[in-house]
Amino acid sequence: ASYRREMFKPFPMPELIGRFRSKPLEFE
């Protein structure tokens, strides 16, 4: 849900991956 709110922000690779690295996998 936050993606469209933050589309204008620059995200270096570590920060970009940080947006989903702590989320659980959706399946094996």
PDB file of all heavy atoms in Angstrom:
ATOM      1  N   ALA A   1       0.821  -1.216   0.000  1.00  0.00           N
ATOM      2  CA  ALA A   1       0.000   0.000   0.000  1.00  0.00           C
ATOM      3  C   ALA A   1       0.853   1.264   0.000  1.00  0.00           C
ATOM      4  O   ALA A   1       0.414   2.322  -0.463  1.00  0.00           O
ATOM      5  CB  ALA A   1      -0.927  -0.004   1.207  1.00  0.00           C
ATOM      6  N   SER A   2       2.080   1.174   0.504  1.00  0.00           N
ATOM      7  CA  SER A   2       2.938   2.363   0.588  1.00  0.00           C
ATOM      8  C   SER A   2       3.607   2.698  -0.741  1.00  0.00           C
ATOM      9  O   SER A   2       4.177   3.784  -0.891  1.00  0.00           O
ATOM     10  CB  SER A   2       4.029   2.140   1.639  1.00  0.00           C
ATOM     11  OG  SER A   2       4.910   1.092   1.241  1.00  0.00           O
ATOM     12  N   TYR A   3       3.549   1.788  -1.708  1.00  0.00           N
ATOM     13  CA  TYR A   3       4.312   1.981  -2.942  1.00  0.00           C
ATOM     14  C   TYR A   3       3.917   3.271  -3.660  1.00  0.00           C
ATOM     15  O   TYR A   3       4.775   4.083  -4.008  1.00  0.00           O
ATOM     16  CB  TYR A   3       4.136   0.776  -3.867  1.00  0.00           C
ATOM     17  CG  TYR A   3       4.778   0.957  -5.226  1.00  0.00           C
ATOM     18  CD1 TYR A   3       6.167   0.992  -5.346  1.00  0.00           C
ATOM     19  CD2 TYR A   3       4.007   1.114  -6.368  1.00  0.00           C
ATOM     20  CE1 TYR A   3       6.768   1.166  -6.578  1.00  0.00           C
ATOM     21  CE2 TYR A   3       4.605   1.295  -7.611  1.00  0.00           C
ATOM     22  CZ  TYR A   3       5.989   1.316  -7.712  1.00  0.00           C
ATOM     23  OH  TYR A   3       6.567   1.503  -8.933  1.00  0.00           O
ATOM     24  N   ARG A   4       2.639   3.477  -3.875  1.00  0.00           N
ATOM     25  CA  ARG A   4       2.214   4.663  -4.622  1.00  0.00           C
ATOM     26  C   ARG A   4       2.479   5.953  -3.844  1.00  0.00           C
ATOM     27  O   ARG A   4       2.723   7.005  -4.444  1.00  0.00           O
ATOM     28  CB  ARG A   4       0.736   4.555  -5.003  1.00  0.00           C
ATOM     29  CG  ARG A   4       0.452   3.487  -6.042  1.00  0.00           C
ATOM     30  CD  ARG A   4      -0.914   3.675  -6.671  1.00  0.00           C
ATOM     31  NE  ARG A   4      -1.039   4.941  -7.360  1.00  0.00           N
ATOM     32  CZ  ARG A   4      -0.559   5.197  -8.581  1.00  0.00           C
ATOM     33  NH1 ARG A   4       0.090   4.258  -9.244  1.00  0.00           N
ATOM     34  NH2 ARG A   4      -0.735   6.383  -9.135  1.00  0.00           N
ATOM     35  N   ARG A   5       2.449   5.866  -2.523  1.00  0.00           N
ATOM     36  CA  ARG A   5       2.716   7.066  -1.716  1.00  0.00           C
ATOM     37  C   ARG A   5       4.180   7.479  -1.802  1.00  0.00           C
ATOM     38  O   ARG A   5       4.510   8.649  -1.569  1.00  0.00           O
ATOM     39  CB  ARG A   5       2.342   6.822  -0.251  1.00  0.00           C
ATOM     40  CG  ARG A   5       0.869   6.576   0.000  1.00  0.00           C
ATOM     41  CD  ARG A   5       0.545   6.739   1.467  1.00  0.00           C
ATOM     42  NE  ARG A   5       1.334   5.886   2.329  1.00  0.00           N
ATOM     43  CZ  ARG A   5       0.966   4.665   2.729  1.00  0.00           C
ATOM     44  NH1 ARG A   5      -0.196   4.177   2.320  1.00  0.00           N
ATOM     45  NH2 ARG A   5       1.730   3.944   3.520  1.00  0.00           N
ATOM     46  N   GLU A   6       5.071   6.524  -2.097  1.00  0.00           N
ATOM     47  CA  GLU A   6       6.504   6.797  -2.053  1.00  0.00           C
ATOM     48  C   GLU A   6       7.178   6.690  -3.417  1.00  0.00           C
ATOM     49  O   GLU A   6       8.400   6.578  -3.505  1.00  0.00           O
ATOM     50  CB  GLU A   6       7.164   5.837  -1.058  1.00  0.00           C
ATOM     51  CG  GLU A   6       6.644   5.983   0.352  1.00  0.00           C
ATOM     52  CD  GLU A   6       7.351   5.079   1.360  1.00  0.00           C
ATOM     53  OE1 GLU A   6       7.809   3.991   0.951  1.00  0.00           O
ATOM     54  OE2 GLU A   6       7.443   5.474   2.522  1.00  0.00           O
ATOM     55  N   MET A   7       6.375   6.752  -4.480  1.00  0.00           N
ATOM     56  CA  MET A   7       6.934   6.586  -5.821  1.00  0.00           C
ATOM     57  C   MET A   7       7.976   7.643  -6.176  1.00  0.00           C
ATOM     58  O   MET A   7       8.853   7.392  -6.991  1.00  0.00           O
ATOM     59  CB  MET A   7       5.816   6.623  -6.870  1.00  0.00           C
ATOM     60  CG  MET A   7       4.935   5.410  -6.908  1.00  0.00           C
ATOM     61  SD  MET A   7       3.858   5.410  -8.362  1.00  0.00           S
ATOM     62  CE  MET A   7       2.978   6.960  -8.160  1.00  0.00           C
ATOM     63  N   PHE A   8       7.860   8.824  -5.584  1.00  0.00           N
ATOM     64  CA  PHE A   8       8.733   9.935  -5.956  1.00  0.00           C
ATOM     65  C   PHE A   8      10.079   9.885  -5.251  1.00  0.00           C
ATOM     66  O   PHE A   8      10.980  10.662  -5.574  1.00  0.00           O
ATOM     67  CB  PHE A   8       8.052  11.268  -5.617  1.00  0.00           C
ATOM     68  CG  PHE A   8       7.785  11.452  -4.147  1.00  0.00           C
ATOM     69  CD1 PHE A   8       8.696  12.104  -3.342  1.00  0.00           C
ATOM     70  CD2 PHE A   8       6.623  10.953  -3.573  1.00  0.00           C
ATOM     71  CE1 PHE A   8       8.463  12.270  -1.987  1.00  0.00           C
ATOM     72  CE2 PHE A   8       6.380  11.114  -2.216  1.00  0.00           C
ATOM     73  CZ  PHE A   8       7.304  11.770  -1.422  1.00  0.00           C
ATOM     74  N   LYS A   9      10.272   8.963  -4.306  1.00  0.00           N
ATOM     75  CA  LYS A   9      11.500   8.934  -3.516  1.00  0.00           C
ATOM     76  C   LYS A   9      12.573   8.069  -4.175  1.00  0.00           C
ATOM     77  O   LYS A   9      12.281   7.012  -4.710  1.00  0.00           O
ATOM     78  CB  LYS A   9      11.216   8.361  -2.121  1.00  0.00           C
ATOM     79  CG  LYS A   9      10.279   9.185  -1.267  1.00  0.00           C
ATOM     80  CD  LYS A   9      10.079   8.512   0.085  1.00  0.00           C
ATOM     81  CE  LYS A   9       9.118   9.296   0.969  1.00  0.00           C
ATOM     82  NZ  LYS A   9       8.900   8.613   2.275  1.00  0.00           N
ATOM     83  N   PRO A  10      13.839   8.512  -4.124  1.00  0.00           N
ATOM     84  CA  PRO A  10      14.925   7.642  -4.594  1.00  0.00           C
ATOM     85  C   PRO A  10      15.186   6.534  -3.574  1.00  0.00           C
ATOM     86  O   PRO A  10      15.153   6.774  -2.363  1.00  0.00           O
ATOM     87  CB  PRO A  10      16.120   8.599  -4.694  1.00  0.00           C
ATOM     88  CG  PRO A  10      15.812   9.705  -3.733  1.00  0.00           C
ATOM     89  CD  PRO A  10      14.321   9.849  -3.711  1.00  0.00           C
ATOM     90  N   PHE A  11      15.416   5.324  -4.061  1.00  0.00           N
ATOM     91  CA  PHE A  11      15.698   4.194  -3.194  1.00  0.00           C
ATOM     92  C   PHE A  11      16.959   3.486  -3.680  1.00  0.00           C
ATOM     93  O   PHE A  11      16.901   2.698  -4.627  1.00  0.00           O
ATOM     94  CB  PHE A  11      14.528   3.196  -3.193  1.00  0.00           C
ATOM     95  CG  PHE A  11      13.442   3.507  -2.207  1.00  0.00           C
ATOM     96  CD1 PHE A  11      12.443   4.416  -2.522  1.00  0.00           C
ATOM     97  CD2 PHE A  11      13.408   2.905  -0.956  1.00  0.00           C
ATOM     98  CE1 PHE A  11      11.435   4.718  -1.625  1.00  0.00           C
ATOM     99  CE2 PHE A  11      12.404   3.189  -0.044  1.00  0.00           C
ATOM    100  CZ  PHE A  11      11.411   4.101  -0.373  1.00  0.00           C
ATOM    101  N   PRO A  12      18.117   3.758  -3.056  1.00  0.00           N
ATOM    102  CA  PRO A  12      19.313   2.974  -3.378  1.00  0.00           C
ATOM    103  C   PRO A  12      19.035   1.486  -3.119  1.00  0.00           C
ATOM    104  O   PRO A  12      18.141   1.139  -2.344  1.00  0.00           O
ATOM    105  CB  PRO A  12      20.362   3.527  -2.415  1.00  0.00           C
ATOM    106  CG  PRO A  12      19.847   4.881  -2.020  1.00  0.00           C
ATOM    107  CD  PRO A  12      18.365   4.772  -2.034  1.00  0.00           C
ATOM    108  N   MET A  13      19.791   0.611  -3.751  1.00  0.00           N
ATOM    109  CA  MET A  13      19.514  -0.820  -3.693  1.00  0.00           C
ATOM    110  C   MET A  13      19.313  -1.363  -2.275  1.00  0.00           C
ATOM    111  O   MET A  13      18.330  -2.085  -2.027  1.00  0.00           O
ATOM    112  CB  MET A  13      20.619  -1.598  -4.410  1.00  0.00           C
ATOM    113  CG  MET A  13      20.395  -3.102  -4.443  1.00  0.00           C
ATOM    114  SD  MET A  13      18.874  -3.602  -5.299  1.00  0.00           S
ATOM    115  CE  MET A  13      19.341  -3.354  -7.006  1.00  0.00           C
ATOM    116  N   PRO A  14      20.181  -1.061  -1.295  1.00  0.00           N
ATOM    117  CA  PRO A  14      19.946  -1.603   0.045  1.00  0.00           C
ATOM    118  C   PRO A  14      18.597  -1.186   0.631  1.00  0.00           C
ATOM    119  O   PRO A  14      17.921  -1.990   1.278  1.00  0.00           O
ATOM    120  CB  PRO A  14      21.107  -1.036   0.877  1.00  0.00           C
ATOM    121  CG  PRO A  14      22.174  -0.742  -0.117  1.00  0.00           C
ATOM    122  CD  PRO A  14      21.443  -0.303  -1.352  1.00  0.00           C
ATOM    123  N   GLU A  15      18.206   0.061   0.388  1.00  0.00           N
ATOM    124  CA  GLU A  15      16.923   0.539   0.905  1.00  0.00           C
ATOM    125  C   GLU A  15      15.748  -0.071   0.134  1.00  0.00           C
ATOM    126  O   GLU A  15      14.693  -0.354   0.699  1.00  0.00           O
ATOM    127  CB  GLU A  15      16.854   2.064   0.827  1.00  0.00           C
ATOM    128  CG  GLU A  15      17.854   2.765   1.737  1.00  0.00           C
ATOM    129  CD  GLU A  15      17.771   4.278   1.613  1.00  0.00           C
ATOM    130  OE1 GLU A  15      16.696   4.788   1.235  1.00  0.00           O
ATOM    131  OE2 GLU A  15      18.789   4.945   1.867  1.00  0.00           O
ATOM    132  N   LEU A  16      15.949  -0.277  -1.176  1.00  0.00           N
ATOM    133  CA  LEU A  16      14.902  -0.890  -1.980  1.00  0.00           C
ATOM    134  C   LEU A  16      14.633  -2.320  -1.513  1.00  0.00           C
ATOM    135  O   LEU A  16      13.480  -2.720  -1.305  1.00  0.00           O
ATOM    136  CB  LEU A  16      15.306  -0.872  -3.459  1.00  0.00           C
ATOM    137  CG  LEU A  16      14.273  -1.364  -4.471  1.00  0.00           C
ATOM    138  CD1 LEU A  16      12.982  -0.557  -4.370  1.00  0.00           C
ATOM    139  CD2 LEU A  16      14.847  -1.290  -5.884  1.00  0.00           C
ATOM    140  N   ILE A  17      15.690  -3.082  -1.307  1.00  0.00           N
ATOM    141  CA  ILE A  17      15.538  -4.446  -0.807  1.00  0.00           C
ATOM    142  C   ILE A  17      14.993  -4.429   0.615  1.00  0.00           C
ATOM    143  O   ILE A  17      14.224  -5.314   1.012  1.00  0.00           O
ATOM    144  CB  ILE A  17      16.883  -5.200  -0.873  1.00  0.00           C
ATOM    145  CG1 ILE A  17      17.292  -5.393  -2.342  1.00  0.00           C
ATOM    146  CG2 ILE A  17      16.797  -6.554  -0.168  1.00  0.00           C
ATOM    147  CD1 ILE A  17      18.641  -6.048  -2.541  1.00  0.00           C
ATOM    148  N   GLY A  18      15.350  -3.389   1.378  1.00  0.00           N
ATOM    149  CA  GLY A  18      14.854  -3.270   2.742  1.00  0.00           C
ATOM    150  C   GLY A  18      13.343  -3.153   2.835  1.00  0.00           C
ATOM    151  O   GLY A  18      12.756  -3.416   3.893  1.00  0.00           O
ATOM    152  N   ARG A  19      12.687  -2.797   1.734  1.00  0.00           N
ATOM    153  CA  ARG A  19      11.228  -2.653   1.745  1.00  0.00           C
ATOM    154  C   ARG A  19      10.533  -4.004   1.860  1.00  0.00           C
ATOM    155  O   ARG A  19       9.359  -4.065   2.229  1.00  0.00           O
ATOM    156  CB  ARG A  19      10.761  -1.928   0.480  1.00  0.00           C
ATOM    157  CG  ARG A  19      11.332  -0.539   0.345  1.00  0.00           C
ATOM    158  CD  ARG A  19      10.928   0.140  -0.949  1.00  0.00           C
ATOM    159  NE  ARG A  19       9.532   0.546  -0.930  1.00  0.00           N
ATOM    160  CZ  ARG A  19       8.974   1.312  -1.855  1.00  0.00           C
ATOM    161  NH1 ARG A  19       9.713   1.752  -2.867  1.00  0.00           N
ATOM    162  NH2 ARG A  19       7.703   1.647  -1.784  1.00  0.00           N
ATOM    163  N   PHE A  20      11.234  -5.097   1.515  1.00  0.00           N
ATOM    164  CA  PHE A  20      10.572  -6.400   1.571  1.00  0.00           C
ATOM    165  C   PHE A  20      11.406  -7.491   2.237  1.00  0.00           C
ATOM    166  O   PHE A  20      10.926  -8.598   2.424  1.00  0.00           O
ATOM    167  CB  PHE A  20      10.185  -6.856   0.155  1.00  0.00           C
ATOM    168  CG  PHE A  20      11.330  -6.895  -0.833  1.00  0.00           C
ATOM    169  CD1 PHE A  20      12.176  -7.982  -0.923  1.00  0.00           C
ATOM    170  CD2 PHE A  20      11.545  -5.822  -1.705  1.00  0.00           C
ATOM    171  CE1 PHE A  20      13.222  -8.015  -1.836  1.00  0.00           C
ATOM    172  CE2 PHE A  20      12.579  -5.841  -2.636  1.00  0.00           C
ATOM    173  CZ  PHE A  20      13.427  -6.949  -2.696  1.00  0.00           C
ATOM    174  N   ARG A  21      12.643  -7.218   2.654  1.00  0.00           N
ATOM    175  CA  ARG A  21      13.522  -8.260   3.172  1.00  0.00           C
ATOM    176  C   ARG A  21      13.032  -8.874   4.489  1.00  0.00           C
ATOM    177  O   ARG A  21      13.310 -10.034   4.774  1.00  0.00           O
ATOM    178  CB  ARG A  21      14.955  -7.760   3.334  1.00  0.00           C
ATOM    179  CG  ARG A  21      15.153  -6.684   4.368  1.00  0.00           C
ATOM    180  CD  ARG A  21      16.646  -6.355   4.536  1.00  0.00           C
ATOM    181  NE  ARG A  21      17.348  -7.468   5.157  1.00  0.00           N
ATOM    182  CZ  ARG A  21      18.486  -7.975   4.712  1.00  0.00           C
ATOM    183  NH1 ARG A  21      19.064  -7.460   3.647  1.00  0.00           N
ATOM    184  NH2 ARG A  21      19.057  -8.977   5.335  1.00  0.00           N
ATOM    185  N   SER A  22      12.305  -8.114   5.288  1.00  0.00           N
ATOM    186  CA  SER A  22      11.854  -8.641   6.579  1.00  0.00           C
ATOM    187  C   SER A  22      10.467  -9.291   6.505  1.00  0.00           C
ATOM    188  O   SER A  22       9.972  -9.823   7.499  1.00  0.00           O
ATOM    189  CB  SER A  22      11.830  -7.526   7.623  1.00  0.00           C
ATOM    190  OG  SER A  22      10.918  -6.505   7.243  1.00  0.00           O
ATOM    191  N   LYS A  23       9.845  -9.275   5.327  1.00  0.00           N
ATOM    192  CA  LYS A  23       8.506  -9.849   5.191  1.00  0.00           C
ATOM    193  C   LYS A  23       8.592 -11.364   5.003  1.00  0.00           C
ATOM    194  O   LYS A  23       9.499 -11.851   4.317  1.00  0.00           O
ATOM    195  CB  LYS A  23       7.758  -9.208   4.027  1.00  0.00           C
ATOM    196  CG  LYS A  23       7.471  -7.732   4.243  1.00  0.00           C
ATOM    197  CD  LYS A  23       6.594  -7.165   3.143  1.00  0.00           C
ATOM    198  CE  LYS A  23       6.235  -5.708   3.434  1.00  0.00           C
ATOM    199  NZ  LYS A  23       5.340  -5.137   2.403  1.00  0.00           N
ATOM    200  N   PRO A  24       7.658 -12.100   5.578  1.00  0.00           N
ATOM    201  CA  PRO A  24       7.684 -13.562   5.411  1.00  0.00           C
ATOM    202  C   PRO A  24       7.406 -13.957   3.965  1.00  0.00           C
ATOM    203  O   PRO A  24       6.708 -13.235   3.236  1.00  0.00           O
ATOM    204  CB  PRO A  24       6.566 -14.047   6.338  1.00  0.00           C
ATOM    205  CG  PRO A  24       5.653 -12.874   6.491  1.00  0.00           C
ATOM    206  CD  PRO A  24       6.519 -11.653   6.414  1.00  0.00           C
ATOM    207  N   LEU A  25       7.960 -15.088   3.557  1.00  0.00           N
ATOM    208  CA  LEU A  25       7.684 -15.603   2.214  1.00  0.00           C
ATOM    209  C   LEU A  25       6.211 -15.957   2.091  1.00  0.00           C
ATOM    210  O   LEU A  25       5.576 -16.386   3.050  1.00  0.00           O
ATOM    211  CB  LEU A  25       8.541 -16.834   1.924  1.00  0.00           C
ATOM    212  CG  LEU A  25      10.060 -16.636   1.910  1.00  0.00           C
ATOM    213  CD1 LEU A  25      10.751 -17.947   1.555  1.00  0.00           C
ATOM    214  CD2 LEU A  25      10.467 -15.540   0.943  1.00  0.00           C
ATOM    215  N   GLU A  26       5.662 -15.790   0.903  1.00  0.00           N
ATOM    216  CA  GLU A  26       4.251 -16.068   0.680  1.00  0.00           C
ATOM    217  C   GLU A  26       3.994 -17.549   0.427  1.00  0.00           C
ATOM    218  O   GLU A  26       2.859 -18.006   0.521  1.00  0.00           O
ATOM    219  CB  GLU A  26       3.744 -15.223  -0.494  1.00  0.00           C
ATOM    220  CG  GLU A  26       3.824 -13.739  -0.184  1.00  0.00           C
ATOM    221  CD  GLU A  26       3.258 -12.866  -1.282  1.00  0.00           C
ATOM    222  OE1 GLU A  26       3.626 -13.080  -2.450  1.00  0.00           O
ATOM    223  OE2 GLU A  26       2.453 -11.966  -0.965  1.00  0.00           O
ATOM    224  N   PHE A  27       5.045 -18.293   0.107  1.00  0.00           N
ATOM    225  CA  PHE A  27       4.945 -19.747  -0.044  1.00  0.00           C
ATOM    226  C   PHE A  27       6.360 -20.314  -0.099  1.00  0.00           C
ATOM    227  O   PHE A  27       7.338 -19.575  -0.247  1.00  0.00           O
ATOM    228  CB  PHE A  27       4.153 -20.141  -1.301  1.00  0.00           C
ATOM    229  CG  PHE A  27       4.603 -19.455  -2.568  1.00  0.00           C
ATOM    230  CD1 PHE A  27       5.690 -19.915  -3.305  1.00  0.00           C
ATOM    231  CD2 PHE A  27       3.930 -18.325  -3.023  1.00  0.00           C
ATOM    232  CE1 PHE A  27       6.098 -19.287  -4.472  1.00  0.00           C
ATOM    233  CE2 PHE A  27       4.328 -17.680  -4.197  1.00  0.00           C
ATOM    234  CZ  PHE A  27       5.424 -18.168  -4.909  1.00  0.00           C
ATOM    235  N   GLU A  28       6.473 -21.617   0.034  1.00  0.00           N
ATOM    236  CA  GLU A  28       7.766 -22.284  -0.025  1.00  0.00           C
ATOM    237  C   GLU A  28       8.340 -22.155  -1.433  1.00  0.00           C
ATOM    238  O   GLU A  28       7.633 -22.378  -2.423  1.00  0.00           O
ATOM    239  CB  GLU A  28       7.601 -23.757   0.340  1.00  0.00           C
ATOM    240  CG  GLU A  28       8.902 -24.540   0.352  1.00  0.00           C
ATOM    241  CD  GLU A  28       8.686 -26.001   0.686  1.00  0.00           C
ATOM    242  OE1 GLU A  28       7.600 -26.333   1.200  1.00  0.00           O
ATOM    243  OE2 GLU A  28       9.600 -26.801   0.420  1.00  0.00           O
TER     244      GLU A  28
END
